[in-house]
Amino acid sequence: MKYKRFAYLFVGLGVIVVIWKLSVLETSVSNLKTLPQALDLHKDQLELTQRQLMIFEQIHKKTNYFRNYPVIYAVTPTYWRHVQKAELTRISQTLQLVPNVHWIVVEDSDYKTDLVRNLLTESDLIYTHLNAKTPPFEKLKDKDPRWKRHRGVEQRNTALKWLRENLKLGKDKGVVYFMDDDNTYNVRVFQEMNKIKTVGVWPVGLVGGLNAETPVLDKKTGKVMGYRSGWRPDRPFAIDMAGFAINLDLILSRTDAVFSYKMEKGYQESEFLSYFTTKEQLEPLADNCTKVYVWHTRTEKPVVNGIVPGLEV
């Protein structure tokens, strides 16, 4: 009797298992029938995913590609005014398109401000935040013309000091570019910097009363033989601050090379470049100085008659 009950129980369990298997199989068949419809229904989403994967693959290749390039140390002096955040936002979003950049922002201030600190944090860039106050005797007054005082001297020298204290000659590879916050930059100018061996030069648009200032090349040799400039083209290097970049090795090896308040007005670039190179040794870039990838586009000073509480503009 005991064995008979056990046999019934065993058969019953077997029937339950068979029914369950048939149910699973029917569901699977049903799913297989609806699969083509589901694939067709979600075709657009699947294609979009495929495009996204292609984009990710391109980004990965691009990142690996830029690993072979030197780091571009972009030095930006900045000071408070109503358009400061707008200027720095424009530059930061340009630099987000440059994979091999380290942004060094130096505030003309007694302390580092929250405005700049927050902007740098939100930029997702590799950055260094510094500050250095311009001495009172060199501070521009509201109605002074821009050329009356040396600008950015303290800030650029602070950046040079940071580079020389934190990077090692022969180990760290890079290019140093003095990138003012009131200019507009095409990302191609940074691609050109990847080619620099010593000092690279290129045209700068909307400066010196000309549509562009530029080195002038000898057609036979391709070397720089002069400059087209709106002011003192006879200078040893009649080149705007935005129109050159220097190999980091030169910056680190010539520790005496700094900007100075003692220089004649308008000669900061020319005197600084004299530490590193000669006119004939300059490397013309931007398609032999025929393309403009950077412009002086100073933002108009806004008239602000009131402040909205709680808004940082």
C-alpha atoms as a PDB file:
ATOM      1  CA  MET A   1       0.000   0.000   0.000  1.00  0.00           C
ATOM      2  CA  LYS A   2       2.858   2.275   0.915  1.00  0.00           C
ATOM      3  CA  TYR A   3       4.559   1.609  -2.444  1.00  0.00           C
ATOM      4  CA  LYS A   4       1.315   2.236  -4.356  1.00  0.00           C
ATOM      5  CA  ARG A   5       0.913   5.674  -2.746  1.00  0.00           C
ATOM      6  CA  PHE A   6       4.509   6.508  -3.528  1.00  0.00           C
ATOM      7  CA  ALA A   7       3.973   5.503  -7.170  1.00  0.00           C
ATOM      8  CA  TYR A   8       0.844   7.735  -7.439  1.00  0.00           C
ATOM      9  CA  LEU A   9       2.798  10.633  -5.927  1.00  0.00           C
ATOM     10  CA  PHE A  10       5.661  10.109  -8.350  1.00  0.00           C
ATOM     11  CA  VAL A  11       3.319   9.990 -11.373  1.00  0.00           C
ATOM     12  CA  GLY A  12       1.504  13.104 -10.158  1.00  0.00           C
ATOM     13  CA  LEU A  13       4.746  15.058  -9.853  1.00  0.00           C
ATOM     14  CA  GLY A  14       5.752  13.902 -13.326  1.00  0.00           C
ATOM     15  CA  VAL A  15       2.475  15.156 -14.808  1.00  0.00           C
ATOM     16  CA  ILE A  16       2.958  18.555 -13.123  1.00  0.00           C
ATOM     17  CA  VAL A  17       6.508  18.848 -14.539  1.00  0.00           C
ATOM     18  CA  VAL A  18       5.299  17.932 -18.042  1.00  0.00           C
ATOM     19  CA  ILE A  19       2.497  20.507 -17.911  1.00  0.00           C
ATOM     20  CA  TRP A  20       4.967  23.187 -16.687  1.00  0.00           C
ATOM     21  CA  LYS A  21       7.444  22.401 -19.512  1.00  0.00           C
ATOM     22  CA  LEU A  22       4.677  22.574 -22.134  1.00  0.00           C
ATOM     23  CA  SER A  23       3.604  25.934 -20.721  1.00  0.00           C
ATOM     24  CA  VAL A  24       7.163  27.317 -20.921  1.00  0.00           C
ATOM     25  CA  LEU A  25       7.560  25.982 -24.458  1.00  0.00           C
ATOM     26  CA  GLU A  26       4.289  27.583 -25.577  1.00  0.00           C
ATOM     27  CA  THR A  27       5.361  30.901 -24.085  1.00  0.00           C
ATOM     28  CA  SER A  28       8.738  30.673 -25.852  1.00  0.00           C
ATOM     29  CA  VAL A  29       7.074  29.915 -29.185  1.00  0.00           C
ATOM     30  CA  SER A  30       4.721  32.839 -28.639  1.00  0.00           C
ATOM     31  CA  ASN A  31       7.688  35.070 -27.866  1.00  0.00           C
ATOM     32  CA  LEU A  32       9.487  33.894 -30.998  1.00  0.00           C
ATOM     33  CA  LYS A  33       6.443  34.783 -33.083  1.00  0.00           C
ATOM     34  CA  THR A  34       6.280  38.288 -31.639  1.00  0.00           C
ATOM     35  CA  LEU A  35      10.080  38.861 -31.791  1.00  0.00           C
ATOM     36  CA  PRO A  36      10.116  40.095 -35.415  1.00  0.00           C
ATOM     37  CA  GLN A  37       7.302  42.511 -34.585  1.00  0.00           C
ATOM     38  CA  ALA A  38       9.203  43.743 -31.516  1.00  0.00           C
ATOM     39  CA  LEU A  39      12.397  44.171 -33.539  1.00  0.00           C
ATOM     40  CA  ASP A  40      10.526  46.089 -36.194  1.00  0.00           C
ATOM     41  CA  LEU A  41       8.790  48.220 -33.571  1.00  0.00           C
ATOM     42  CA  HIS A  42      12.106  49.154 -31.888  1.00  0.00           C
ATOM     43  CA  LYS A  43      14.151  49.401 -35.077  1.00  0.00           C
ATOM     44  CA  ASP A  44      14.728  53.138 -34.662  1.00  0.00           C
ATOM     45  CA  GLN A  45      15.979  52.712 -31.114  1.00  0.00           C
ATOM     46  CA  LEU A  46      18.316  49.885 -32.165  1.00  0.00           C
ATOM     47  CA  GLU A  47      19.742  51.952 -35.021  1.00  0.00           C
ATOM     48  CA  LEU A  48      20.253  54.899 -32.663  1.00  0.00           C
ATOM     49  CA  THR A  49      22.145  52.649 -30.281  1.00  0.00           C
ATOM     50  CA  GLN A  50      24.335  51.509 -33.144  1.00  0.00           C
ATOM     51  CA  ARG A  51      25.114  55.136 -34.024  1.00  0.00           C
ATOM     52  CA  GLN A  52      25.918  55.847 -30.401  1.00  0.00           C
ATOM     53  CA  LEU A  53      28.314  52.921 -30.320  1.00  0.00           C
ATOM     54  CA  MET A  54      30.018  54.271 -33.445  1.00  0.00           C
ATOM     55  CA  ILE A  55      30.358  57.683 -31.781  1.00  0.00           C
ATOM     56  CA  PHE A  56      31.800  56.118 -28.626  1.00  0.00           C
ATOM     57  CA  GLU A  57      34.271  54.193 -30.771  1.00  0.00           C
ATOM     58  CA  GLN A  58      35.320  57.399 -32.531  1.00  0.00           C
ATOM     59  CA  ILE A  59      35.785  59.174 -29.190  1.00  0.00           C
ATOM     60  CA  HIS A  60      37.886  56.273 -27.928  1.00  0.00           C
ATOM     61  CA  LYS A  61      40.080  56.366 -31.020  1.00  0.00           C
ATOM     62  CA  LYS A  62      40.386  60.150 -30.755  1.00  0.00           C
ATOM     63  CA  THR A  63      41.403  59.922 -27.097  1.00  0.00           C
ATOM     64  CA  ASN A  64      44.060  57.314 -27.903  1.00  0.00           C
ATOM     65  CA  TYR A  65      45.201  59.471 -30.816  1.00  0.00           C
ATOM     66  CA  PHE A  66      45.763  62.491 -28.585  1.00  0.00           C
ATOM     67  CA  ARG A  67      47.713  60.471 -26.034  1.00  0.00           C
ATOM     68  CA  ASN A  68      50.695  60.839 -28.328  1.00  0.00           C
ATOM     69  CA  TYR A  69      50.445  64.630 -28.250  1.00  0.00           C
ATOM     70  CA  PRO A  70      51.961  66.997 -25.677  1.00  0.00           C
ATOM     71  CA  VAL A  71      49.808  68.601 -23.012  1.00  0.00           C
ATOM     72  CA  ILE A  72      48.781  72.154 -23.911  1.00  0.00           C
ATOM     73  CA  TYR A  73      49.130  74.371 -20.842  1.00  0.00           C
ATOM     74  CA  ALA A  74      46.705  77.207 -21.593  1.00  0.00           C
ATOM     75  CA  VAL A  75      47.426  80.169 -19.299  1.00  0.00           C
ATOM     76  CA  THR A  76      44.479  82.546 -18.780  1.00  0.00           C
ATOM     77  CA  PRO A  77      44.803  85.696 -16.672  1.00  0.00           C
ATOM     78  CA  THR A  78      41.383  86.944 -15.567  1.00  0.00           C
ATOM     79  CA  TYR A  79      39.905  89.709 -13.435  1.00  0.00           C
ATOM     80  CA  TRP A  80      36.452  90.558 -12.150  1.00  0.00           C
ATOM     81  CA  ARG A  81      34.046  92.508 -14.341  1.00  0.00           C
ATOM     82  CA  HIS A  82      30.412  91.918 -15.307  1.00  0.00           C
ATOM     83  CA  VAL A  83      31.364  89.848 -18.375  1.00  0.00           C
ATOM     84  CA  GLN A  84      33.997  87.714 -16.630  1.00  0.00           C
ATOM     85  CA  LYS A  85      31.814  84.641 -16.185  1.00  0.00           C
ATOM     86  CA  ALA A  86      30.531  84.899 -19.772  1.00  0.00           C
ATOM     87  CA  GLU A  87      34.085  85.160 -21.147  1.00  0.00           C
ATOM     88  CA  LEU A  88      35.366  82.217 -19.106  1.00  0.00           C
ATOM     89  CA  THR A  89      32.309  80.117 -19.997  1.00  0.00           C
ATOM     90  CA  ARG A  90      32.972  80.640 -23.703  1.00  0.00           C
ATOM     91  CA  ILE A  91      36.610  79.621 -23.339  1.00  0.00           C
ATOM     92  CA  SER A  92      35.883  76.634 -21.096  1.00  0.00           C
ATOM     93  CA  GLN A  93      33.432  75.207 -23.605  1.00  0.00           C
ATOM     94  CA  THR A  94      35.990  75.593 -26.383  1.00  0.00           C
ATOM     95  CA  LEU A  95      38.601  73.820 -24.270  1.00  0.00           C
ATOM     96  CA  GLN A  96      36.198  70.934 -23.623  1.00  0.00           C
ATOM     97  CA  LEU A  97      36.760  70.044 -27.294  1.00  0.00           C
ATOM     98  CA  VAL A  98      40.531  69.783 -26.737  1.00  0.00           C
ATOM     99  CA  PRO A  99      41.460  66.424 -25.144  1.00  0.00           C
ATOM    100  CA  ASN A 100      45.080  67.282 -24.264  1.00  0.00           C
ATOM    101  CA  VAL A 101      44.678  70.615 -22.449  1.00  0.00           C
ATOM    102  CA  HIS A 102      45.502  71.717 -18.904  1.00  0.00           C
ATOM    103  CA  TRP A 103      43.875  75.074 -18.149  1.00  0.00           C
ATOM    104  CA  ILE A 104      45.798  77.369 -15.782  1.00  0.00           C
ATOM    105  CA  VAL A 105      43.535  80.223 -14.674  1.00  0.00           C
ATOM    106  CA  VAL A 106      45.154  83.029 -12.682  1.00  0.00           C
ATOM    107  CA  GLU A 107      42.900  85.590 -11.029  1.00  0.00           C
ATOM    108  CA  ASP A 108      43.976  89.205 -10.589  1.00  0.00           C
ATOM    109  CA  SER A 109      42.804  89.124  -7.000  1.00  0.00           C
ATOM    110  CA  ASP A 110      43.979  88.893  -3.403  1.00  0.00           C
ATOM    111  CA  TYR A 111      42.141  85.568  -3.137  1.00  0.00           C
ATOM    112  CA  LYS A 112      40.515  82.911  -5.312  1.00  0.00           C
ATOM    113  CA  THR A 113      36.863  83.771  -5.895  1.00  0.00           C
ATOM    114  CA  ASP A 114      33.903  81.394  -5.727  1.00  0.00           C
ATOM    115  CA  LEU A 115      32.763  82.526  -9.179  1.00  0.00           C
ATOM    116  CA  VAL A 116      35.923  81.239 -10.859  1.00  0.00           C
ATOM    117  CA  ARG A 117      36.258  78.225  -8.558  1.00  0.00           C
ATOM    118  CA  ASN A 118      32.715  77.054  -9.317  1.00  0.00           C
ATOM    119  CA  LEU A 119      33.108  77.612 -13.056  1.00  0.00           C
ATOM    120  CA  LEU A 120      36.304  75.558 -13.128  1.00  0.00           C
ATOM    121  CA  THR A 121      34.755  72.762 -11.092  1.00  0.00           C
ATOM    122  CA  GLU A 122      31.742  72.554 -13.388  1.00  0.00           C
ATOM    123  CA  SER A 123      33.884  72.634 -16.550  1.00  0.00           C
ATOM    124  CA  ASP A 124      35.139  69.030 -16.076  1.00  0.00           C
ATOM    125  CA  LEU A 125      38.510  70.210 -17.408  1.00  0.00           C
ATOM    126  CA  ILE A 126      41.924  69.486 -15.974  1.00  0.00           C
ATOM    127  CA  TYR A 127      42.785  72.820 -14.402  1.00  0.00           C
ATOM    128  CA  THR A 128      44.955  74.719 -11.941  1.00  0.00           C
ATOM    129  CA  HIS A 129      43.453  77.721 -10.134  1.00  0.00           C
ATOM    130  CA  LEU A 130      45.879  80.438  -9.004  1.00  0.00           C
ATOM    131  CA  ASN A 131      45.712  84.085  -7.983  1.00  0.00           C
ATOM    132  CA  ALA A 132      48.112  87.035  -8.121  1.00  0.00           C
ATOM    133  CA  LYS A 133      47.230  90.666  -7.556  1.00  0.00           C
ATOM    134  CA  THR A 134      48.448  93.350  -9.975  1.00  0.00           C
ATOM    135  CA  PRO A 135      50.310  96.068  -8.050  1.00  0.00           C
ATOM    136  CA  PRO A 136      48.408  99.367  -7.667  1.00  0.00           C
ATOM    137  CA  PHE A 137      50.905 101.326  -9.797  1.00  0.00           C
ATOM    138  CA  GLU A 138      50.081  99.138 -12.825  1.00  0.00           C
ATOM    139  CA  LYS A 139      46.324  98.924 -12.333  1.00  0.00           C
ATOM    140  CA  LEU A 140      44.249 100.329 -15.194  1.00  0.00           C
ATOM    141  CA  LYS A 141      41.739 102.997 -14.250  1.00  0.00           C
ATOM    142  CA  ASP A 142      38.244 102.991 -15.743  1.00  0.00           C
ATOM    143  CA  LYS A 143      38.992 105.572 -18.434  1.00  0.00           C
ATOM    144  CA  ASP A 144      42.574 104.510 -19.189  1.00  0.00           C
ATOM    145  CA  PRO A 145      43.273 103.093 -22.671  1.00  0.00           C
ATOM    146  CA  ARG A 146      44.305  99.427 -22.587  1.00  0.00           C
ATOM    147  CA  TRP A 147      47.796 100.141 -23.912  1.00  0.00           C
ATOM    148  CA  LYS A 148      48.664 102.554 -21.084  1.00  0.00           C
ATOM    149  CA  ARG A 149      49.562  99.784 -18.609  1.00  0.00           C
ATOM    150  CA  HIS A 150      51.173  96.370 -18.799  1.00  0.00           C
ATOM    151  CA  ARG A 151      48.390  93.813 -18.375  1.00  0.00           C
ATOM    152  CA  GLY A 152      48.608  90.236 -17.107  1.00  0.00           C
ATOM    153  CA  VAL A 153      52.279  90.450 -16.104  1.00  0.00           C
ATOM    154  CA  GLU A 154      51.804  89.271 -12.516  1.00  0.00           C
ATOM    155  CA  GLN A 155      49.373  86.538 -13.546  1.00  0.00           C
ATOM    156  CA  ARG A 156      51.475  85.117 -16.403  1.00  0.00           C
ATOM    157  CA  ASN A 157      54.600  85.108 -14.214  1.00  0.00           C
ATOM    158  CA  THR A 158      52.657  83.254 -11.500  1.00  0.00           C
ATOM    159  CA  ALA A 159      51.698  80.605 -14.067  1.00  0.00           C
ATOM    160  CA  LEU A 160      55.330  80.338 -15.249  1.00  0.00           C
ATOM    161  CA  LYS A 161      56.446  79.861 -11.641  1.00  0.00           C
ATOM    162  CA  TRP A 162      53.842  77.085 -11.155  1.00  0.00           C
ATOM    163  CA  LEU A 163      54.994  75.300 -14.315  1.00  0.00           C
ATOM    164  CA  ARG A 164      58.647  75.449 -13.261  1.00  0.00           C
ATOM    165  CA  GLU A 165      57.926  74.252  -9.738  1.00  0.00           C
ATOM    166  CA  ASN A 166      55.605  71.390 -10.691  1.00  0.00           C
ATOM    167  CA  LEU A 167      56.949  70.037 -13.984  1.00  0.00           C
ATOM    168  CA  LYS A 168      60.315  68.475 -14.765  1.00  0.00           C
ATOM    169  CA  LEU A 169      62.530  69.198 -17.749  1.00  0.00           C
ATOM    170  CA  GLY A 170      63.012  66.067 -19.871  1.00  0.00           C
ATOM    171  CA  LYS A 171      60.122  64.233 -18.214  1.00  0.00           C
ATOM    172  CA  ASP A 172      57.014  66.356 -18.804  1.00  0.00           C
ATOM    173  CA  LYS A 173      56.160  67.197 -22.403  1.00  0.00           C
ATOM    174  CA  GLY A 174      53.947  70.066 -23.388  1.00  0.00           C
ATOM    175  CA  VAL A 175      53.288  73.416 -25.022  1.00  0.00           C
ATOM    176  CA  VAL A 176      52.601  76.702 -23.219  1.00  0.00           C
ATOM    177  CA  TYR A 177      49.993  79.088 -24.655  1.00  0.00           C
ATOM    178  CA  PHE A 178      48.969  82.440 -23.190  1.00  0.00           C
ATOM    179  CA  MET A 179      45.213  82.366 -23.741  1.00  0.00           C
ATOM    180  CA  ASP A 180      43.510  85.632 -22.784  1.00  0.00           C
ATOM    181  CA  ASP A 181      39.893  85.408 -21.655  1.00  0.00           C
ATOM    182  CA  ASP A 182      38.582  88.070 -24.071  1.00  0.00           C
ATOM    183  CA  ASN A 183      39.534  86.292 -27.308  1.00  0.00           C
ATOM    184  CA  THR A 184      37.690  83.765 -29.467  1.00  0.00           C
ATOM    185  CA  TYR A 185      39.430  80.500 -30.365  1.00  0.00           C
ATOM    186  CA  ASN A 186      38.845  77.910 -33.057  1.00  0.00           C
ATOM    187  CA  VAL A 187      39.767  74.437 -31.760  1.00  0.00           C
ATOM    188  CA  ARG A 188      42.053  74.102 -34.798  1.00  0.00           C
ATOM    189  CA  VAL A 189      44.552  76.466 -33.221  1.00  0.00           C
ATOM    190  CA  PHE A 190      45.134  73.836 -30.519  1.00  0.00           C
ATOM    191  CA  GLN A 191      45.549  71.128 -33.135  1.00  0.00           C
ATOM    192  CA  GLU A 192      48.253  73.291 -34.712  1.00  0.00           C
ATOM    193  CA  MET A 193      50.066  73.492 -31.373  1.00  0.00           C
ATOM    194  CA  ASN A 194      50.565  69.728 -31.392  1.00  0.00           C
ATOM    195  CA  LYS A 195      53.144  70.258 -34.170  1.00  0.00           C
ATOM    196  CA  ILE A 196      55.360  72.680 -32.237  1.00  0.00           C
ATOM    197  CA  LYS A 197      59.020  71.773 -31.699  1.00  0.00           C
ATOM    198  CA  THR A 198      60.240  75.149 -30.405  1.00  0.00           C
ATOM    199  CA  VAL A 199      58.052  78.231 -30.983  1.00  0.00           C
ATOM    200  CA  GLY A 200      55.019  78.114 -33.292  1.00  0.00           C
ATOM    201  CA  VAL A 201      53.363  81.225 -34.747  1.00  0.00           C
ATOM    202  CA  TRP A 202      50.137  82.017 -36.647  1.00  0.00           C
ATOM    203  CA  PRO A 203      47.908  84.999 -37.589  1.00  0.00           C
ATOM    204  CA  VAL A 204      45.557  86.719 -35.146  1.00  0.00           C
ATOM    205  CA  GLY A 205      42.366  88.305 -36.440  1.00  0.00           C
ATOM    206  CA  LEU A 206      40.913  91.735 -35.637  1.00  0.00           C
ATOM    207  CA  VAL A 207      43.956  93.245 -33.953  1.00  0.00           C
ATOM    208  CA  GLY A 208      46.139  96.323 -34.399  1.00  0.00           C
ATOM    209  CA  GLY A 209      43.635  98.077 -36.616  1.00  0.00           C
ATOM    210  CA  LEU A 210      43.925  95.319 -39.250  1.00  0.00           C
ATOM    211  CA  ASN A 211      41.625  92.464 -40.161  1.00  0.00           C
ATOM    212  CA  ALA A 212      44.548  90.274 -39.066  1.00  0.00           C
ATOM    213  CA  GLU A 213      48.155  90.572 -37.950  1.00  0.00           C
ATOM    214  CA  THR A 214      50.433  87.868 -39.305  1.00  0.00           C
ATOM    215  CA  PRO A 215      54.032  86.799 -39.817  1.00  0.00           C
ATOM    216  CA  VAL A 216      55.189  87.275 -43.416  1.00  0.00           C
ATOM    217  CA  LEU A 217      56.980  84.298 -44.946  1.00  0.00           C
ATOM    218  CA  ASP A 218      59.748  84.080 -47.503  1.00  0.00           C
ATOM    219  CA  LYS A 219      58.224  82.247 -50.488  1.00  0.00           C
ATOM    220  CA  LYS A 220      61.420  80.336 -51.206  1.00  0.00           C
ATOM    221  CA  THR A 221      62.445  79.228 -47.731  1.00  0.00           C
ATOM    222  CA  GLY A 222      59.068  79.290 -45.966  1.00  0.00           C
ATOM    223  CA  LYS A 223      60.700  81.058 -43.008  1.00  0.00           C
ATOM    224  CA  VAL A 224      59.438  84.196 -41.283  1.00  0.00           C
ATOM    225  CA  MET A 225      61.080  87.272 -42.827  1.00  0.00           C
ATOM    226  CA  GLY A 226      58.864  89.991 -41.301  1.00  0.00           C
ATOM    227  CA  TYR A 227      55.490  90.894 -39.863  1.00  0.00           C
ATOM    228  CA  ARG A 228      52.306  92.584 -41.004  1.00  0.00           C
ATOM    229  CA  SER A 229      51.291  94.526 -37.915  1.00  0.00           C
ATOM    230  CA  GLY A 230      49.256  97.637 -37.186  1.00  0.00           C
ATOM    231  CA  TRP A 231      51.877  98.894 -34.716  1.00  0.00           C
ATOM    232  CA  ARG A 232      55.680  98.825 -34.918  1.00  0.00           C
ATOM    233  CA  PRO A 233      56.137  95.981 -37.414  1.00  0.00           C
ATOM    234  CA  ASP A 234      59.897  96.525 -36.997  1.00  0.00           C
ATOM    235  CA  ARG A 235      59.812  94.923 -33.522  1.00  0.00           C
ATOM    236  CA  PRO A 236      61.993  91.781 -33.236  1.00  0.00           C
ATOM    237  CA  PHE A 237      58.762  89.804 -32.816  1.00  0.00           C
ATOM    238  CA  ALA A 238      55.736  91.853 -33.872  1.00  0.00           C
ATOM    239  CA  ILE A 239      53.391  89.084 -32.718  1.00  0.00           C
ATOM    240  CA  ASP A 240      50.275  89.281 -30.536  1.00  0.00           C
ATOM    241  CA  MET A 241      50.129  87.249 -27.310  1.00  0.00           C
ATOM    242  CA  ALA A 242      47.497  85.005 -28.928  1.00  0.00           C
ATOM    243  CA  GLY A 243      49.708  84.360 -31.952  1.00  0.00           C
ATOM    244  CA  PHE A 244      52.375  82.035 -30.546  1.00  0.00           C
ATOM    245  CA  ALA A 245      52.974  79.045 -28.276  1.00  0.00           C
ATOM    246  CA  ILE A 246      56.224  77.718 -26.815  1.00  0.00           C
ATOM    247  CA  ASN A 247      57.533  74.220 -26.206  1.00  0.00           C
ATOM    248  CA  LEU A 248      57.484  73.438 -22.479  1.00  0.00           C
ATOM    249  CA  ASP A 249      61.158  72.369 -22.565  1.00  0.00           C
ATOM    250  CA  LEU A 250      62.149  75.939 -23.421  1.00  0.00           C
ATOM    251  CA  ILE A 251      59.986  77.377 -20.630  1.00  0.00           C
ATOM    252  CA  LEU A 252      61.500  74.999 -18.072  1.00  0.00           C
ATOM    253  CA  SER A 253      65.097  75.450 -19.219  1.00  0.00           C
ATOM    254  CA  ARG A 254      65.057  79.265 -19.382  1.00  0.00           C
ATOM    255  CA  THR A 255      64.014  80.045 -15.825  1.00  0.00           C
ATOM    256  CA  ASP A 256      65.070  83.682 -16.285  1.00  0.00           C
ATOM    257  CA  ALA A 257      62.419  84.216 -18.962  1.00  0.00           C
ATOM    258  CA  VAL A 258      59.615  86.272 -17.415  1.00  0.00           C
ATOM    259  CA  PHE A 259      57.388  89.216 -18.237  1.00  0.00           C
ATOM    260  CA  SER A 260      58.356  92.573 -16.752  1.00  0.00           C
ATOM    261  CA  TYR A 261      56.866  95.967 -15.901  1.00  0.00           C
ATOM    262  CA  LYS A 262      60.176  97.518 -17.020  1.00  0.00           C
ATOM    263  CA  MET A 263      59.621  96.590 -20.672  1.00  0.00           C
ATOM    264  CA  GLU A 264      58.529  99.253 -23.108  1.00  0.00           C
ATOM    265  CA  LYS A 265      54.747  99.330 -23.600  1.00  0.00           C
ATOM    266  CA  GLY A 266      53.724  96.887 -26.335  1.00  0.00           C
ATOM    267  CA  TYR A 267      56.978  94.922 -26.152  1.00  0.00           C
ATOM    268  CA  GLN A 268      56.000  92.150 -23.710  1.00  0.00           C
ATOM    269  CA  GLU A 269      55.600  89.498 -26.424  1.00  0.00           C
ATOM    270  CA  SER A 270      58.687  90.597 -28.326  1.00  0.00           C
ATOM    271  CA  GLU A 271      60.978  90.679 -25.288  1.00  0.00           C
ATOM    272  CA  PHE A 272      59.665  87.388 -23.922  1.00  0.00           C
ATOM    273  CA  LEU A 273      60.143  85.530 -27.217  1.00  0.00           C
ATOM    274  CA  SER A 274      63.715  86.821 -27.447  1.00  0.00           C
ATOM    275  CA  TYR A 275      64.653  84.445 -24.602  1.00  0.00           C
ATOM    276  CA  PHE A 276      63.828  81.394 -26.711  1.00  0.00           C
ATOM    277  CA  THR A 277      64.247  81.894 -30.434  1.00  0.00           C
ATOM    278  CA  THR A 278      65.086  84.095 -33.400  1.00  0.00           C
ATOM    279  CA  LYS A 279      62.808  85.303 -36.138  1.00  0.00           C
ATOM    280  CA  GLU A 280      64.302  82.796 -38.600  1.00  0.00           C
ATOM    281  CA  GLN A 281      63.727  79.879 -36.206  1.00  0.00           C
ATOM    282  CA  LEU A 282      59.999  80.521 -35.752  1.00  0.00           C
ATOM    283  CA  GLU A 283      57.718  77.711 -36.933  1.00  0.00           C
ATOM    284  CA  PRO A 284      54.901  79.084 -39.167  1.00  0.00           C
ATOM    285  CA  LEU A 285      51.691  77.130 -38.610  1.00  0.00           C
ATOM    286  CA  ALA A 286      48.020  77.462 -39.675  1.00  0.00           C
ATOM    287  CA  ASP A 287      48.741  76.499 -43.288  1.00  0.00           C
ATOM    288  CA  ASN A 288      51.863  78.702 -43.556  1.00  0.00           C
ATOM    289  CA  CYS A 289      50.116  81.547 -41.731  1.00  0.00           C
ATOM    290  CA  THR A 290      47.276  81.738 -44.258  1.00  0.00           C
ATOM    291  CA  LYS A 291      44.481  80.716 -41.849  1.00  0.00           C
ATOM    292  CA  VAL A 292      43.046  82.656 -38.892  1.00  0.00           C
ATOM    293  CA  TYR A 293      42.069  80.488 -35.913  1.00  0.00           C
ATOM    294  CA  VAL A 294      42.028  83.111 -33.136  1.00  0.00           C
ATOM    295  CA  TRP A 295      40.471  86.581 -32.943  1.00  0.00           C
ATOM    296  CA  HIS A 296      40.465  89.568 -30.601  1.00  0.00           C
ATOM    297  CA  THR A 297      36.746  89.880 -29.851  1.00  0.00           C
ATOM    298  CA  ARG A 298      36.509  91.976 -26.726  1.00  0.00           C
ATOM    299  CA  THR A 299      33.041  91.929 -25.223  1.00  0.00           C
ATOM    300  CA  GLU A 300      31.304  95.290 -25.015  1.00  0.00           C
ATOM    301  CA  LYS A 301      31.170  96.617 -21.461  1.00  0.00           C
ATOM    302  CA  PRO A 302      27.520  96.271 -20.383  1.00  0.00           C
ATOM    303  CA  VAL A 303      25.569  98.988 -18.619  1.00  0.00           C
ATOM    304  CA  VAL A 304      24.324  97.463 -15.359  1.00  0.00           C
ATOM    305  CA  ASN A 305      21.949  99.644 -13.358  1.00  0.00           C
ATOM    306  CA  GLY A 306      20.801  97.064 -10.845  1.00  0.00           C
ATOM    307  CA  ILE A 307      21.568  93.645  -9.357  1.00  0.00           C
ATOM    308  CA  VAL A 308      19.032  90.830  -9.099  1.00  0.00           C
ATOM    309  CA  PRO A 309      19.475  89.181  -5.661  1.00  0.00           C
ATOM    310  CA  GLY A 310      20.470  85.516  -5.660  1.00  0.00           C
ATOM    311  CA  LEU A 311      21.729  85.415  -9.268  1.00  0.00           C
ATOM    312  CA  GLU A 312      25.401  85.050 -10.089  1.00  0.00           C
ATOM    313  CA  VAL A 313      25.724  86.274 -13.685  1.00  0.00           C
END
